[in-house]
């Protein structure tokens, strides 16, 4: 299953995205979540909560749906 996430800014950190996408409920859950789940960004393994993500990035999170990041809605 794939879900598109529309960003409100040009970039977002991996930790912020996990919260924004309702995968975790608080910032305190980021580090343990990253330690327990395999996350790939554009096919490469990632475990840094501060990793900058932008529109066009694709995240695959073990046990969760694939996330595709979309740019801001045109005004």
PDB file of N, CA and C in Angstrom:
ATOM      1  N   UNK A   1       0.847  -1.180   0.000  1.00  0.00           N
ATOM      2  CA  UNK A   1       0.000   0.000   0.000  1.00  0.00           C
ATOM      3  C   UNK A   1       0.894   1.246   0.000  1.00  0.00           C
ATOM      4  N   UNK A   2       0.456   2.287  -0.676  1.00  0.00           N
ATOM      5  CA  UNK A   2       1.222   3.522  -0.802  1.00  0.00           C
ATOM      6  C   UNK A   2       0.365   4.705  -0.371  1.00  0.00           C
ATOM      7  N   UNK A   3       0.984   5.627   0.332  1.00  0.00           N
ATOM      8  CA  UNK A   3       0.273   6.839   0.768  1.00  0.00           C
ATOM      9  C   UNK A   3       1.103   8.053   0.375  1.00  0.00           C
ATOM     10  N   UNK A   4       0.436   9.045  -0.175  1.00  0.00           N
ATOM     11  CA  UNK A   4       1.102  10.299  -0.517  1.00  0.00           C
ATOM     12  C   UNK A   4       0.978  11.265   0.652  1.00  0.00           C
ATOM     13  N   UNK A   5       2.090  11.902   0.994  1.00  0.00           N
ATOM     14  CA  UNK A   5       2.130  12.888   2.073  1.00  0.00           C
ATOM     15  C   UNK A   5       2.486  14.231   1.445  1.00  0.00           C
ATOM     16  N   UNK A   6       1.610  15.206   1.588  1.00  0.00           N
ATOM     17  CA  UNK A   6       1.870  16.539   1.043  1.00  0.00           C
ATOM     18  C   UNK A   6       2.570  17.372   2.106  1.00  0.00           C
ATOM     19  N   UNK A   7       3.751  17.878   1.760  1.00  0.00           N
ATOM     20  CA  UNK A   7       4.540  18.677   2.690  1.00  0.00           C
ATOM     21  C   UNK A   7       4.036  20.112   2.737  1.00  0.00           C
ATOM     22  N   UNK A   8       4.164  20.736   3.899  1.00  0.00           N
ATOM     23  CA  UNK A   8       3.783  22.137   4.070  1.00  0.00           C
ATOM     24  C   UNK A   8       4.983  23.067   3.890  1.00  0.00           C
ATOM     25  N   UNK A   9       6.173  22.482   3.776  1.00  0.00           N
ATOM     26  CA  UNK A   9       7.402  23.268   3.615  1.00  0.00           C
ATOM     27  C   UNK A   9       8.285  22.564   2.592  1.00  0.00           C
ATOM     28  N   UNK A  10       9.430  23.153   2.297  1.00  0.00           N
ATOM     29  CA  UNK A  10      10.326  22.575   1.298  1.00  0.00           C
ATOM     30  C   UNK A  10      11.007  21.302   1.781  1.00  0.00           C
ATOM     31  N   UNK A  11      11.213  21.185   3.099  1.00  0.00           N
ATOM     32  CA  UNK A  11      11.841  19.988   3.640  1.00  0.00           C
ATOM     33  C   UNK A  11      11.301  19.697   5.034  1.00  0.00           C
ATOM     34  N   UNK A  12      11.511  18.445   5.449  1.00  0.00           N
ATOM     35  CA  UNK A  12      11.068  17.990   6.761  1.00  0.00           C
ATOM     36  C   UNK A  12      12.063  16.929   7.217  1.00  0.00           C
ATOM     37  N   UNK A  13      12.298  16.834   8.519  1.00  0.00           N
ATOM     38  CA  UNK A  13      13.205  15.784   8.994  1.00  0.00           C
ATOM     39  C   UNK A  13      12.445  14.462   9.084  1.00  0.00           C
ATOM     40  N   UNK A  14      13.199  13.387   9.100  1.00  0.00           N
ATOM     41  CA  UNK A  14      12.587  12.065   9.205  1.00  0.00           C
ATOM     42  C   UNK A  14      11.766  11.956  10.484  1.00  0.00           C
ATOM     43  N   UNK A  15      12.287  12.450  11.593  1.00  0.00           N
ATOM     44  CA  UNK A  15      11.543  12.409  12.860  1.00  0.00           C
ATOM     45  C   UNK A  15      10.238  13.181  12.786  1.00  0.00           C
ATOM     46  N   UNK A  16      10.276  14.363  12.197  1.00  0.00           N
ATOM     47  CA  UNK A  16       9.063  15.173  12.054  1.00  0.00           C
ATOM     48  C   UNK A  16       8.057  14.477  11.144  1.00  0.00           C
ATOM     49  N   UNK A  17       8.547  13.846  10.087  1.00  0.00           N
ATOM     50  CA  UNK A  17       7.646  13.166   9.152  1.00  0.00           C
ATOM     51  C   UNK A  17       6.937  12.000   9.829  1.00  0.00           C
ATOM     52  N   UNK A  18       7.653  11.228  10.633  1.00  0.00           N
ATOM     53  CA  UNK A  18       7.018  10.101  11.314  1.00  0.00           C
ATOM     54  C   UNK A  18       5.857  10.577  12.189  1.00  0.00           C
ATOM     55  N   UNK A  19       6.039  11.711  12.820  1.00  0.00           N
ATOM     56  CA  UNK A  19       4.972  12.289  13.641  1.00  0.00           C
ATOM     57  C   UNK A  19       3.849  12.849  12.761  1.00  0.00           C
ATOM     58  N   UNK A  20       4.212  13.591  11.722  1.00  0.00           N
ATOM     59  CA  UNK A  20       3.248  14.213  10.808  1.00  0.00           C
ATOM     60  C   UNK A  20       2.370  13.155  10.126  1.00  0.00           C
ATOM     61  N   UNK A  21       2.954  12.005   9.814  1.00  0.00           N
ATOM     62  CA  UNK A  21       2.234  10.924   9.137  1.00  0.00           C
ATOM     63  C   UNK A  21       1.491  10.018  10.117  1.00  0.00           C
ATOM     64  N   UNK A  22       1.480  10.371  11.408  1.00  0.00           N
ATOM     65  CA  UNK A  22       0.800   9.607  12.453  1.00  0.00           C
ATOM     66  C   UNK A  22       1.325   8.180  12.604  1.00  0.00           C
ATOM     67  N   UNK A  23       2.610   8.002  12.354  1.00  0.00           N
ATOM     68  CA  UNK A  23       3.235   6.701  12.564  1.00  0.00           C
ATOM     69  C   UNK A  23       3.681   6.589  14.020  1.00  0.00           C
ATOM     70  N   UNK A  24       4.123   7.700  14.584  1.00  0.00           N
ATOM     71  CA  UNK A  24       4.421   7.793  16.017  1.00  0.00           C
ATOM     72  C   UNK A  24       3.604   8.952  16.576  1.00  0.00           C
ATOM     73  N   UNK A  25       3.429   8.983  17.892  1.00  0.00           N
ATOM     74  CA  UNK A  25       2.585  10.033  18.470  1.00  0.00           C
ATOM     75  C   UNK A  25       3.364  11.167  19.118  1.00  0.00           C
ATOM     76  N   UNK A  26       4.657  10.943  19.413  1.00  0.00           N
ATOM     77  CA  UNK A  26       5.429  12.017  20.025  1.00  0.00           C
ATOM     78  C   UNK A  26       6.884  11.950  19.575  1.00  0.00           C
ATOM     79  N   UNK A  27       7.577  13.057  19.718  1.00  0.00           N
ATOM     80  CA  UNK A  27       8.976  13.119  19.340  1.00  0.00           C
ATOM     81  C   UNK A  27       9.861  12.180  20.144  1.00  0.00           C
ATOM     82  N   UNK A  28       9.438  11.860  21.371  1.00  0.00           N
ATOM     83  CA  UNK A  28      10.202  10.949  22.209  1.00  0.00           C
ATOM     84  C   UNK A  28      10.217   9.519  21.697  1.00  0.00           C
ATOM     85  N   UNK A  29       9.329   9.203  20.775  1.00  0.00           N
ATOM     86  CA  UNK A  29       9.248   7.853  20.223  1.00  0.00           C
ATOM     87  C   UNK A  29      10.146   7.651  19.009  1.00  0.00           C
ATOM     88  N   UNK A  30      10.737   8.730  18.492  1.00  0.00           N
ATOM     89  CA  UNK A  30      11.502   8.638  17.248  1.00  0.00           C
ATOM     90  C   UNK A  30      12.691   7.696  17.377  1.00  0.00           C
ATOM     91  N   UNK A  31      13.527   7.918  18.356  1.00  0.00           N
ATOM     92  CA  UNK A  31      14.759   7.130  18.481  1.00  0.00           C
ATOM     93  C   UNK A  31      14.473   5.633  18.639  1.00  0.00           C
ATOM     94  N   UNK A  32      13.577   5.234  19.557  1.00  0.00           N
ATOM     95  CA  UNK A  32      13.273   3.795  19.665  1.00  0.00           C
ATOM     96  C   UNK A  32      12.651   3.230  18.383  1.00  0.00           C
ATOM     97  N   UNK A  33      11.807   4.018  17.714  1.00  0.00           N
ATOM     98  CA  UNK A  33      11.180   3.551  16.479  1.00  0.00           C
ATOM     99  C   UNK A  33      12.245   3.274  15.422  1.00  0.00           C
ATOM    100  N   UNK A  34      13.191   4.200  15.280  1.00  0.00           N
ATOM    101  CA  UNK A  34      14.248   4.031  14.287  1.00  0.00           C
ATOM    102  C   UNK A  34      15.127   2.826  14.605  1.00  0.00           C
ATOM    103  N   UNK A  35      15.314   2.534  15.892  1.00  0.00           N
ATOM    104  CA  UNK A  35      16.128   1.386  16.295  1.00  0.00           C
ATOM    105  C   UNK A  35      15.421   0.062  16.000  1.00  0.00           C
ATOM    106  N   UNK A  36      14.093   0.067  15.989  1.00  0.00           N
ATOM    107  CA  UNK A  36      13.326  -1.167  15.841  1.00  0.00           C
ATOM    108  C   UNK A  36      12.831  -1.434  14.427  1.00  0.00           C
ATOM    109  N   UNK A  37      12.830  -0.433  13.542  1.00  0.00           N
ATOM    110  CA  UNK A  37      12.259  -0.594  12.201  1.00  0.00           C
ATOM    111  C   UNK A  37      13.274  -0.265  11.113  1.00  0.00           C
ATOM    112  N   UNK A  38      13.253  -1.068  10.076  1.00  0.00           N
ATOM    113  CA  UNK A  38      14.084  -0.802   8.908  1.00  0.00           C
ATOM    114  C   UNK A  38      13.388   0.265   8.072  1.00  0.00           C
ATOM    115  N   UNK A  39      14.085   1.358   7.809  1.00  0.00           N
ATOM    116  CA  UNK A  39      13.540   2.444   6.996  1.00  0.00           C
ATOM    117  C   UNK A  39      14.476   2.666   5.829  1.00  0.00           C
ATOM    118  N   UNK A  40      13.897   2.750   4.649  1.00  0.00           N
ATOM    119  CA  UNK A  40      14.671   3.064   3.449  1.00  0.00           C
ATOM    120  C   UNK A  40      14.132   4.358   2.854  1.00  0.00           C
ATOM    121  N   UNK A  41      15.066   5.256   2.515  1.00  0.00           N
ATOM    122  CA  UNK A  41      14.719   6.501   1.838  1.00  0.00           C
ATOM    123  C   UNK A  41      15.331   6.402   0.447  1.00  0.00           C
ATOM    124  N   UNK A  42      14.471   6.416  -0.559  1.00  0.00           N
ATOM    125  CA  UNK A  42      14.929   6.269  -1.948  1.00  0.00           C
ATOM    126  C   UNK A  42      15.802   5.022  -2.114  1.00  0.00           C
ATOM    127  N   UNK A  43      15.418   3.947  -1.421  1.00  0.00           N
ATOM    128  CA  UNK A  43      16.105   2.672  -1.543  1.00  0.00           C
ATOM    129  C   UNK A  43      17.308   2.479  -0.644  1.00  0.00           C
ATOM    130  N   UNK A  44      17.744   3.529   0.057  1.00  0.00           N
ATOM    131  CA  UNK A  44      18.915   3.423   0.925  1.00  0.00           C
ATOM    132  C   UNK A  44      18.502   3.411   2.390  1.00  0.00           C
ATOM    133  N   UNK A  45      19.129   2.520   3.151  1.00  0.00           N
ATOM    134  CA  UNK A  45      18.808   2.408   4.579  1.00  0.00           C
ATOM    135  C   UNK A  45      19.082   3.733   5.299  1.00  0.00           C
ATOM    136  N   UNK A  46      18.176   4.108   6.193  1.00  0.00           N
ATOM    137  CA  UNK A  46      18.309   5.375   6.917  1.00  0.00           C
ATOM    138  C   UNK A  46      17.878   5.185   8.356  1.00  0.00           C
ATOM    139  N   UNK A  47      18.666   5.750   9.309  1.00  0.00           N
ATOM    140  CA  UNK A  47      18.295   5.675  10.718  1.00  0.00           C
ATOM    141  C   UNK A  47      18.556   6.997  11.441  1.00  0.00           C
ATOM    142  N   UNK A  48      18.816   8.060  10.695  1.00  0.00           N
ATOM    143  CA  UNK A  48      19.061   9.371  11.309  1.00  0.00           C
ATOM    144  C   UNK A  48      17.751  10.144  11.393  1.00  0.00           C
ATOM    145  N   UNK A  49      17.332  10.489  12.591  1.00  0.00           N
ATOM    146  CA  UNK A  49      16.071  11.212  12.747  1.00  0.00           C
ATOM    147  C   UNK A  49      16.120  12.599  12.144  1.00  0.00           C
ATOM    148  N   UNK A  50      17.301  13.158  11.977  1.00  0.00           N
ATOM    149  CA  UNK A  50      17.451  14.491  11.404  1.00  0.00           C
ATOM    150  C   UNK A  50      17.624  14.505   9.902  1.00  0.00           C
ATOM    151  N   UNK A  51      17.530  13.349   9.255  1.00  0.00           N
ATOM    152  CA  UNK A  51      17.672  13.279   7.799  1.00  0.00           C
ATOM    153  C   UNK A  51      16.655  14.207   7.145  1.00  0.00           C
ATOM    154  N   UNK A  52      17.114  15.091   6.280  1.00  0.00           N
ATOM    155  CA  UNK A  52      16.236  16.031   5.577  1.00  0.00           C
ATOM    156  C   UNK A  52      15.552  15.316   4.413  1.00  0.00           C
ATOM    157  N   UNK A  53      14.250  15.450   4.352  1.00  0.00           N
ATOM    158  CA  UNK A  53      13.454  14.843   3.290  1.00  0.00           C
ATOM    159  C   UNK A  53      12.785  15.945   2.484  1.00  0.00           C
ATOM    160  N   UNK A  54      12.620  15.690   1.198  1.00  0.00           N
ATOM    161  CA  UNK A  54      12.024  16.680   0.299  1.00  0.00           C
ATOM    162  C   UNK A  54      11.000  16.011  -0.607  1.00  0.00           C
ATOM    163  N   UNK A  55      10.230  16.834  -1.297  1.00  0.00           N
ATOM    164  CA  UNK A  55       9.250  16.308  -2.262  1.00  0.00           C
ATOM    165  C   UNK A  55       9.965  15.392  -3.245  1.00  0.00           C
ATOM    166  N   UNK A  56       9.330  14.285  -3.550  1.00  0.00           N
ATOM    167  CA  UNK A  56       9.900  13.309  -4.468  1.00  0.00           C
ATOM    168  C   UNK A  56      10.568  12.143  -3.760  1.00  0.00           C
ATOM    169  N   UNK A  57      10.889  12.305  -2.472  1.00  0.00           N
ATOM    170  CA  UNK A  57      11.496  11.209  -1.723  1.00  0.00           C
ATOM    171  C   UNK A  57      10.461  10.117  -1.471  1.00  0.00           C
ATOM    172  N   UNK A  58      10.935   8.875  -1.463  1.00  0.00           N
ATOM    173  CA  UNK A  58      10.072   7.723  -1.217  1.00  0.00           C
ATOM    174  C   UNK A  58      10.603   6.978  -0.009  1.00  0.00           C
ATOM    175  N   UNK A  59       9.737   6.764   0.967  1.00  0.00           N
ATOM    176  CA  UNK A  59      10.118   6.054   2.183  1.00  0.00           C
ATOM    177  C   UNK A  59       9.421   4.708   2.236  1.00  0.00           C
ATOM    178  N   UNK A  60      10.195   3.691   2.568  1.00  0.00           N
ATOM    179  CA  UNK A  60       9.651   2.366   2.809  1.00  0.00           C
ATOM    180  C   UNK A  60       9.966   2.039   4.262  1.00  0.00           C
ATOM    181  N   UNK A  61       8.924   1.840   5.049  1.00  0.00           N
ATOM    182  CA  UNK A  61       9.080   1.583   6.475  1.00  0.00           C
ATOM    183  C   UNK A  61       8.579   0.170   6.756  1.00  0.00           C
ATOM    184  N   UNK A  62       9.470  -0.632   7.323  1.00  0.00           N
ATOM    185  CA  UNK A  62       9.144  -2.021   7.636  1.00  0.00           C
ATOM    186  C   UNK A  62       7.857  -2.095   8.454  1.00  0.00           C
ATOM    187  N   UNK A  63       6.882  -2.858   7.942  1.00  0.00           N
ATOM    188  CA  UNK A  63       5.625  -3.051   8.649  1.00  0.00           C
ATOM    189  C   UNK A  63       4.604  -1.953   8.431  1.00  0.00           C
ATOM    190  N   UNK A  64       4.938  -0.969   7.601  1.00  0.00           N
ATOM    191  CA  UNK A  64       4.034   0.151   7.329  1.00  0.00           C
ATOM    192  C   UNK A  64       3.941   0.360   5.816  1.00  0.00           C
ATOM    193  N   UNK A  65       3.035   1.235   5.441  1.00  0.00           N
ATOM    194  CA  UNK A  65       2.862   1.536   4.027  1.00  0.00           C
ATOM    195  C   UNK A  65       4.035   2.352   3.478  1.00  0.00           C
ATOM    196  N   UNK A  66       4.176   2.350   2.173  1.00  0.00           N
ATOM    197  CA  UNK A  66       5.185   3.173   1.509  1.00  0.00           C
ATOM    198  C   UNK A  66       4.674   4.610   1.486  1.00  0.00           C
ATOM    199  N   UNK A  67       5.564   5.575   1.758  1.00  0.00           N
ATOM    200  CA  UNK A  67       5.200   6.984   1.757  1.00  0.00           C
ATOM    201  C   UNK A  67       5.900   7.695   0.610  1.00  0.00           C
ATOM    202  N   UNK A  68       5.152   8.458  -0.150  1.00  0.00           N
ATOM    203  CA  UNK A  68       5.707   9.284  -1.214  1.00  0.00           C
ATOM    204  C   UNK A  68       5.475  10.731  -0.820  1.00  0.00           C
ATOM    205  N   UNK A  69       6.549  11.514  -0.759  1.00  0.00           N
ATOM    206  CA  UNK A  69       6.447  12.904  -0.347  1.00  0.00           C
ATOM    207  C   UNK A  69       6.134  13.775  -1.549  1.00  0.00           C
ATOM    208  N   UNK A  70       5.109  14.597  -1.382  1.00  0.00           N
ATOM    209  CA  UNK A  70       4.663  15.500  -2.444  1.00  0.00           C
ATOM    210  C   UNK A  70       4.981  16.932  -2.034  1.00  0.00           C
ATOM    211  N   UNK A  71       5.145  17.800  -3.034  1.00  0.00           N
ATOM    212  CA  UNK A  71       5.426  19.206  -2.769  1.00  0.00           C
ATOM    213  C   UNK A  71       4.202  19.938  -2.250  1.00  0.00           C
ATOM    214  N   UNK A  72       4.417  21.199  -1.909  1.00  0.00           N
ATOM    215  CA  UNK A  72       3.322  22.037  -1.406  1.00  0.00           C
ATOM    216  C   UNK A  72       2.258  22.196  -2.484  1.00  0.00           C
ATOM    217  N   UNK A  73       1.051  22.320  -2.039  1.00  0.00           N
ATOM    218  CA  UNK A  73      -0.084  22.540  -2.945  1.00  0.00           C
ATOM    219  C   UNK A  73       0.084  23.912  -3.607  1.00  0.00           C
ATOM    220  N   UNK A  74      -0.017  23.981  -4.940  1.00  0.00           N
ATOM    221  CA  UNK A  74       0.094  25.307  -5.580  1.00  0.00           C
ATOM    222  C   UNK A  74      -1.051  26.213  -5.153  1.00  0.00           C
ATOM    223  N   UNK A  75      -0.746  27.479  -4.999  1.00  0.00           N
ATOM    224  CA  UNK A  75      -1.752  28.437  -4.511  1.00  0.00           C
ATOM    225  C   UNK A  75      -2.545  28.994  -5.654  1.00  0.00           C
TER     226      UNK A  75
END
